[in-house]
Every structure is written in structure tokens, then in C-alpha cells.
N, C-alpha and C. Protein backbone atom coordinates (compact mmCIF):
# COMPACT_ATOMS: atom_id res chain seq x y z
N MET A 1 59.65 16.57 100.45
CA MET A 1 60.95 15.95 100.40
C MET A 1 61.99 16.87 101.04
N THR A 2 62.90 16.24 101.73
CA THR A 2 64.00 17.00 102.31
C THR A 2 65.15 17.06 101.32
N ILE A 3 66.14 17.83 101.65
CA ILE A 3 67.31 17.94 100.77
C ILE A 3 68.05 16.61 100.70
N LYS A 4 68.13 15.90 101.80
CA LYS A 4 68.80 14.59 101.79
C LYS A 4 68.09 13.62 100.86
N GLU A 5 66.76 13.64 100.88
CA GLU A 5 66.01 12.74 100.00
C GLU A 5 66.21 13.12 98.54
N LEU A 6 66.24 14.41 98.25
CA LEU A 6 66.49 14.84 96.88
C LEU A 6 67.87 14.41 96.41
N TYR A 7 68.85 14.49 97.29
CA TYR A 7 70.20 14.07 96.94
C TYR A 7 70.26 12.56 96.70
N ARG A 8 69.57 11.79 97.49
CA ARG A 8 69.59 10.34 97.35
C ARG A 8 68.91 9.88 96.07
N VAL A 9 67.89 10.58 95.63
CA VAL A 9 67.17 10.18 94.42
C VAL A 9 68.08 10.27 93.19
N ASN A 10 68.75 11.39 93.02
CA ASN A 10 69.62 11.57 91.86
C ASN A 10 70.74 12.55 92.24
N PRO A 11 71.88 12.03 92.73
CA PRO A 11 72.95 12.91 93.21
C PRO A 11 73.53 13.83 92.13
N LEU A 12 73.72 13.31 90.93
CA LEU A 12 74.32 14.12 89.87
C LEU A 12 73.40 15.29 89.51
N ARG A 13 72.13 15.03 89.37
CA ARG A 13 71.18 16.08 89.04
C ARG A 13 71.11 17.12 90.16
N PHE A 14 71.17 16.67 91.39
CA PHE A 14 71.13 17.58 92.53
C PHE A 14 72.35 18.50 92.52
N ILE A 15 73.53 17.94 92.27
CA ILE A 15 74.76 18.73 92.25
C ILE A 15 74.74 19.73 91.10
N LEU A 16 74.30 19.29 89.91
CA LEU A 16 74.23 20.20 88.77
C LEU A 16 73.23 21.33 89.02
N ALA A 17 72.12 21.02 89.64
CA ALA A 17 71.14 22.06 89.95
C ALA A 17 71.71 23.05 90.97
N ALA A 18 72.41 22.55 91.97
CA ALA A 18 72.98 23.43 92.99
C ALA A 18 74.05 24.35 92.38
N VAL A 19 74.87 23.79 91.50
CA VAL A 19 75.90 24.60 90.85
C VAL A 19 75.27 25.66 89.94
N SER A 20 74.24 25.27 89.21
CA SER A 20 73.59 26.23 88.32
C SER A 20 72.88 27.33 89.10
N TYR A 21 72.34 27.01 90.28
CA TYR A 21 71.70 28.03 91.10
C TYR A 21 72.71 29.05 91.61
N VAL A 22 73.97 28.69 91.65
CA VAL A 22 75.01 29.63 92.07
C VAL A 22 75.58 30.39 90.87
N LEU A 23 75.80 29.69 89.76
CA LEU A 23 76.44 30.31 88.60
C LEU A 23 75.56 31.32 87.88
N ILE A 24 74.27 31.08 87.82
CA ILE A 24 73.38 31.99 87.09
C ILE A 24 73.37 33.38 87.71
N PRO A 25 73.19 33.53 89.02
CA PRO A 25 73.26 34.89 89.58
C PRO A 25 74.65 35.53 89.46
N LEU A 26 75.70 34.72 89.57
CA LEU A 26 77.05 35.28 89.43
C LEU A 26 77.27 35.81 88.01
N SER A 27 76.77 35.11 87.01
CA SER A 27 76.93 35.61 85.64
C SER A 27 76.12 36.89 85.43
N ALA A 28 74.96 37.00 86.06
CA ALA A 28 74.17 38.23 85.95
C ALA A 28 74.91 39.41 86.59
N ILE A 29 75.56 39.17 87.71
CA ILE A 29 76.34 40.23 88.36
C ILE A 29 77.51 40.62 87.47
N GLY A 30 78.18 39.63 86.88
CA GLY A 30 79.29 39.92 85.98
C GLY A 30 78.85 40.71 84.76
N GLN A 31 77.68 40.40 84.23
CA GLN A 31 77.18 41.14 83.08
C GLN A 31 76.88 42.59 83.43
N SER A 32 76.36 42.83 84.62
CA SER A 32 76.08 44.21 84.99
C SER A 32 77.37 45.02 85.17
N TYR A 33 78.42 44.38 85.68
CA TYR A 33 79.70 45.07 85.77
C TYR A 33 80.27 45.35 84.39
N LEU A 34 80.15 44.39 83.48
CA LEU A 34 80.63 44.63 82.12
C LEU A 34 79.84 45.74 81.44
N LEU A 35 78.56 45.80 81.69
CA LEU A 35 77.74 46.86 81.11
C LEU A 35 78.20 48.23 81.59
N MET A 36 78.58 48.32 82.85
CA MET A 36 79.07 49.59 83.40
C MET A 36 80.34 50.01 82.64
N TYR A 37 81.25 49.06 82.39
CA TYR A 37 82.47 49.39 81.66
C TYR A 37 82.19 49.67 80.19
N GLU A 38 81.16 49.03 79.63
CA GLU A 38 80.78 49.32 78.25
C GLU A 38 80.33 50.76 78.10
N VAL A 39 79.51 51.23 79.01
CA VAL A 39 79.02 52.60 78.95
C VAL A 39 80.19 53.57 79.10
N THR A 40 81.12 53.25 79.97
CA THR A 40 82.30 54.10 80.14
C THR A 40 83.13 54.14 78.86
N ALA A 41 83.29 52.99 78.22
CA ALA A 41 84.05 52.94 76.97
C ALA A 41 83.35 53.74 75.88
N LEU A 42 82.02 53.67 75.84
CA LEU A 42 81.30 54.46 74.84
C LEU A 42 81.41 55.96 75.12
N SER A 43 81.33 56.34 76.36
CA SER A 43 81.43 57.77 76.68
C SER A 43 82.83 58.31 76.41
N ASN A 44 83.84 57.45 76.50
CA ASN A 44 85.22 57.86 76.18
C ASN A 44 85.54 57.67 74.70
N ARG A 45 84.57 57.21 73.93
CA ARG A 45 84.71 56.97 72.49
C ARG A 45 85.82 55.98 72.17
N ASN A 46 85.89 54.95 73.00
CA ASN A 46 86.87 53.89 72.79
C ASN A 46 86.13 52.70 72.16
N LEU A 47 86.04 52.70 70.84
CA LEU A 47 85.25 51.70 70.12
C LEU A 47 85.83 50.30 70.27
N GLN A 48 87.14 50.18 70.27
CA GLN A 48 87.77 48.87 70.37
C GLN A 48 87.46 48.21 71.72
N LEU A 49 87.57 48.95 72.79
CA LEU A 49 87.25 48.42 74.12
C LEU A 49 85.76 48.10 74.23
N TRP A 50 84.91 48.96 73.68
CA TRP A 50 83.47 48.72 73.72
C TRP A 50 83.12 47.43 72.98
N LEU A 51 83.73 47.23 71.83
CA LEU A 51 83.47 46.01 71.05
C LEU A 51 83.94 44.77 71.80
N LEU A 52 85.10 44.85 72.42
CA LEU A 52 85.63 43.72 73.19
C LEU A 52 84.71 43.38 74.36
N LEU A 53 84.25 44.39 75.08
CA LEU A 53 83.36 44.16 76.21
C LEU A 53 82.00 43.64 75.76
N THR A 54 81.51 44.11 74.62
CA THR A 54 80.23 43.62 74.10
C THR A 54 80.32 42.15 73.73
N VAL A 55 81.39 41.76 73.09
CA VAL A 55 81.58 40.35 72.73
C VAL A 55 81.72 39.50 73.99
N ALA A 56 82.45 39.99 74.97
CA ALA A 56 82.59 39.25 76.23
C ALA A 56 81.25 39.08 76.92
N GLU A 57 80.43 40.11 76.89
CA GLU A 57 79.11 40.02 77.52
C GLU A 57 78.21 39.03 76.79
N LEU A 58 78.31 39.01 75.48
CA LEU A 58 77.53 38.03 74.71
C LEU A 58 77.97 36.61 75.01
N LEU A 59 79.27 36.41 75.15
CA LEU A 59 79.77 35.06 75.46
C LEU A 59 79.35 34.62 76.86
N ILE A 60 79.32 35.53 77.80
CA ILE A 60 78.90 35.18 79.16
C ILE A 60 77.42 34.85 79.20
N SER A 61 76.64 35.54 78.39
CA SER A 61 75.19 35.33 78.44
C SER A 61 74.78 33.97 77.89
N TYR A 62 75.63 33.33 77.10
CA TYR A 62 75.27 32.01 76.56
C TYR A 62 75.98 30.96 77.28
């Protein structure tokens, strides 16, 4: 099947799949950046910032 045929079969499903194929890697990149800042917050002994970043990372992962 070509991409045009896949789109014709079920356009909504095709669009949702295409969007998810873009969002999943972007969220993984965002999580790795947050992890870098988490480690920095821990090394600076900033517990409040570390907790905020940890909660943000958990929310992004779901």
C-alpha cells in the first residue's frame, strides 16, 4: 500500500498516527533535557527545583 491508499482507507487514523510518530520522539528529547536539569538541581542541592522537574518529567511521560 502507498501512503495515499493508507490515507484514503482511514484519514483520521492516518493523521493521528502521523502526529504520534512526531510527538513521541519529541517528548523523549524533552525528557532527556529535563533529566539534565534534574541532575544539575541535585548537584546544587536544590530540592524544590528537583522535585518540580521530576513531577514535570512524570507528567510528560504519560
